[in-house]
Amino acid sequence: MSSLKETLVQALRGYTGKAFNGESYLTTSEDGQRFVVISISTANGKRIVNAGLVVQIANDLIIIDKDINNKMLVNALLQAGIARDQIILAYAGESIPQKA
């Protein structure tokens, strides 16, 4: 069985790669607990850089701080078998436990 972190990273990789006029990349903090998917593209001659996903793991919880995707990360995680009570949608105002 995959760990919570392995499942999260696998799901995040689904948001990376070539895209229309650009590419998206997964970056990770040195401690391996924070993740950002950065998109870099060009539109109308202008360079656009955006952090579409910002996520962290704390105390067996996945905390999603930002998600601007059409297919929300929470749905990908649920499909991968992560229990909903292990996912906090901080961007939607869900409370983060003090111990997280």
C-alpha atoms as a PDB file:
ATOM      1  CA  MET A   1       0.000   0.000   0.000  1.00  0.00           C
ATOM      2  CA  SER A   2       1.288   3.448  -0.889  1.00  0.00           C
ATOM      3  CA  SER A   3       2.016   6.002   1.775  1.00  0.00           C
ATOM      4  CA  LEU A   4       0.025   9.211   1.959  1.00  0.00           C
ATOM      5  CA  LYS A   5       2.980  11.159   0.556  1.00  0.00           C
ATOM      6  CA  GLU A   6       3.546   8.729  -2.326  1.00  0.00           C
ATOM      7  CA  THR A   7      -0.130   8.888  -3.271  1.00  0.00           C
ATOM      8  CA  LEU A   8      -0.099  12.690  -3.120  1.00  0.00           C
ATOM      9  CA  VAL A   9       3.024  12.979  -5.264  1.00  0.00           C
ATOM     10  CA  GLN A  10       1.589  10.580  -7.838  1.00  0.00           C
ATOM     11  CA  ALA A  11      -1.620  12.644  -8.006  1.00  0.00           C
ATOM     12  CA  LEU A  12       0.352  15.909  -8.276  1.00  0.00           C
ATOM     13  CA  ARG A  13       2.378  14.528 -11.177  1.00  0.00           C
ATOM     14  CA  GLY A  14      -0.893  14.279 -13.083  1.00  0.00           C
ATOM     15  CA  TYR A  15      -0.968  18.091 -13.096  1.00  0.00           C
ATOM     16  CA  THR A  16       2.502  18.452 -14.643  1.00  0.00           C
ATOM     17  CA  GLY A  17       3.918  18.291 -18.146  1.00  0.00           C
ATOM     18  CA  LYS A  18       3.372  20.055 -21.430  1.00  0.00           C
ATOM     19  CA  ALA A  19       0.344  22.294 -21.682  1.00  0.00           C
ATOM     20  CA  PHE A  20      -1.003  24.790 -24.198  1.00  0.00           C
ATOM     21  CA  ASN A  21       1.841  27.260 -24.838  1.00  0.00           C
ATOM     22  CA  GLY A  22       3.807  26.092 -21.794  1.00  0.00           C
ATOM     23  CA  GLU A  23       4.677  23.516 -19.204  1.00  0.00           C
ATOM     24  CA  SER A  24       3.896  22.738 -15.551  1.00  0.00           C
ATOM     25  CA  TYR A  25       6.436  21.515 -13.004  1.00  0.00           C
ATOM     26  CA  LEU A  26       6.211  19.937  -9.549  1.00  0.00           C
ATOM     27  CA  THR A  27       8.488  21.470  -6.936  1.00  0.00           C
ATOM     28  CA  THR A  28       9.042  20.198  -3.401  1.00  0.00           C
ATOM     29  CA  SER A  29      10.412  21.805  -0.251  1.00  0.00           C
ATOM     30  CA  GLU A  30      13.679  20.512   1.172  1.00  0.00           C
ATOM     31  CA  ASP A  31      11.845  18.694   3.967  1.00  0.00           C
ATOM     32  CA  GLY A  32       9.553  16.984   1.441  1.00  0.00           C
ATOM     33  CA  GLN A  33       6.381  18.198   3.152  1.00  0.00           C
ATOM     34  CA  ARG A  34       5.340  21.072   0.878  1.00  0.00           C
ATOM     35  CA  PHE A  35       4.541  20.875  -2.831  1.00  0.00           C
ATOM     36  CA  VAL A  36       3.820  23.443  -5.548  1.00  0.00           C
ATOM     37  CA  VAL A  37       2.854  22.936  -9.174  1.00  0.00           C
ATOM     38  CA  ILE A  38       4.186  25.884 -11.159  1.00  0.00           C
ATOM     39  CA  SER A  39       2.997  26.628 -14.696  1.00  0.00           C
ATOM     40  CA  ILE A  40       5.050  28.719 -17.105  1.00  0.00           C
ATOM     41  CA  SER A  41       3.506  29.694 -20.421  1.00  0.00           C
ATOM     42  CA  THR A  42       3.295  32.423 -23.043  1.00  0.00           C
ATOM     43  CA  ALA A  43       0.094  34.141 -24.174  1.00  0.00           C
ATOM     44  CA  ASN A  44      -0.198  37.159 -26.455  1.00  0.00           C
ATOM     45  CA  GLY A  45       3.573  37.566 -26.311  1.00  0.00           C
ATOM     46  CA  LYS A  46       3.607  37.737 -22.502  1.00  0.00           C
ATOM     47  CA  ARG A  47       5.200  35.244 -20.128  1.00  0.00           C
ATOM     48  CA  ILE A  48       2.765  33.912 -17.508  1.00  0.00           C
ATOM     49  CA  VAL A  49       3.876  32.150 -14.326  1.00  0.00           C
ATOM     50  CA  ASN A  50       1.326  30.727 -11.915  1.00  0.00           C
ATOM     51  CA  ALA A  51       1.283  28.446  -8.892  1.00  0.00           C
ATOM     52  CA  GLY A  52      -1.853  26.416  -9.578  1.00  0.00           C
ATOM     53  CA  LEU A  53      -1.493  23.980  -6.685  1.00  0.00           C
ATOM     54  CA  VAL A  54      -0.008  24.564  -3.234  1.00  0.00           C
ATOM     55  CA  VAL A  55      -0.190  21.575  -0.885  1.00  0.00           C
ATOM     56  CA  GLN A  56       1.414  20.371   2.326  1.00  0.00           C
ATOM     57  CA  ILE A  57       1.427  17.238   4.454  1.00  0.00           C
ATOM     58  CA  ALA A  58       1.192  17.537   8.238  1.00  0.00           C
ATOM     59  CA  ASN A  59       0.324  14.829  10.786  1.00  0.00           C
ATOM     60  CA  ASP A  60      -1.207  12.406   8.245  1.00  0.00           C
ATOM     61  CA  LEU A  61      -3.280  15.185   6.686  1.00  0.00           C
ATOM     62  CA  ILE A  62      -3.083  16.657   3.204  1.00  0.00           C
ATOM     63  CA  ILE A  63      -3.686  20.391   3.381  1.00  0.00           C
ATOM     64  CA  ILE A  64      -4.538  21.997   0.037  1.00  0.00           C
ATOM     65  CA  ASP A  65      -3.814  25.722   0.290  1.00  0.00           C
ATOM     66  CA  LYS A  66      -4.513  26.580  -3.356  1.00  0.00           C
ATOM     67  CA  ASP A  67      -6.101  24.753  -6.288  1.00  0.00           C
ATOM     68  CA  ILE A  68      -7.191  26.592  -9.447  1.00  0.00           C
ATOM     69  CA  ASN A  69      -7.564  23.537 -11.699  1.00  0.00           C
ATOM     70  CA  ASN A  70     -10.690  22.351 -13.496  1.00  0.00           C
ATOM     71  CA  LYS A  71     -10.137  18.854 -12.096  1.00  0.00           C
ATOM     72  CA  MET A  72      -9.675  19.574  -8.418  1.00  0.00           C
ATOM     73  CA  LEU A  73      -6.881  17.754  -6.568  1.00  0.00           C
ATOM     74  CA  VAL A  74      -9.316  16.641  -3.866  1.00  0.00           C
ATOM     75  CA  ASN A  75     -11.157  14.549  -6.465  1.00  0.00           C
ATOM     76  CA  ALA A  76      -7.931  12.981  -7.741  1.00  0.00           C
ATOM     77  CA  LEU A  77      -6.958  12.108  -4.159  1.00  0.00           C
ATOM     78  CA  LEU A  78     -10.353  10.578  -3.412  1.00  0.00           C
ATOM     79  CA  GLN A  79     -10.103   8.497  -6.593  1.00  0.00           C
ATOM     80  CA  ALA A  80      -6.640   7.355  -5.440  1.00  0.00           C
ATOM     81  CA  GLY A  81      -8.131   6.085  -2.172  1.00  0.00           C
ATOM     82  CA  ILE A  82      -7.320   8.897   0.264  1.00  0.00           C
ATOM     83  CA  ALA A  83     -10.095   9.312   2.847  1.00  0.00           C
ATOM     84  CA  ARG A  84     -11.884  12.679   2.722  1.00  0.00           C
ATOM     85  CA  ASP A  85     -11.210  13.212   6.447  1.00  0.00           C
ATOM     86  CA  GLN A  86      -7.471  13.223   5.634  1.00  0.00           C
ATOM     87  CA  ILE A  87      -7.873  16.131   3.187  1.00  0.00           C
ATOM     88  CA  ILE A  88      -8.293  19.740   4.286  1.00  0.00           C
ATOM     89  CA  LEU A  89      -9.371  22.335   1.734  1.00  0.00           C
ATOM     90  CA  ALA A  90      -7.752  25.362   3.371  1.00  0.00           C
ATOM     91  CA  TYR A  91      -8.496  27.454   0.256  1.00  0.00           C
ATOM     92  CA  ALA A  92     -12.212  26.795   0.863  1.00  0.00           C
ATOM     93  CA  GLY A  93     -12.039  27.834   4.523  1.00  0.00           C
ATOM     94  CA  GLU A  94     -11.834  24.379   6.120  1.00  0.00           C
ATOM     95  CA  SER A  95     -10.139  24.536   9.512  1.00  0.00           C
ATOM     96  CA  ILE A  96      -6.646  23.224   9.993  1.00  0.00           C
ATOM     97  CA  PRO A  97      -6.237  21.397  13.330  1.00  0.00           C
ATOM     98  CA  GLN A  98      -3.774  23.018  15.733  1.00  0.00           C
ATOM     99  CA  LYS A  99      -1.528  19.947  15.656  1.00  0.00           C
ATOM    100  CA  ALA A 100      -1.187  20.071  11.840  1.00  0.00           C
END
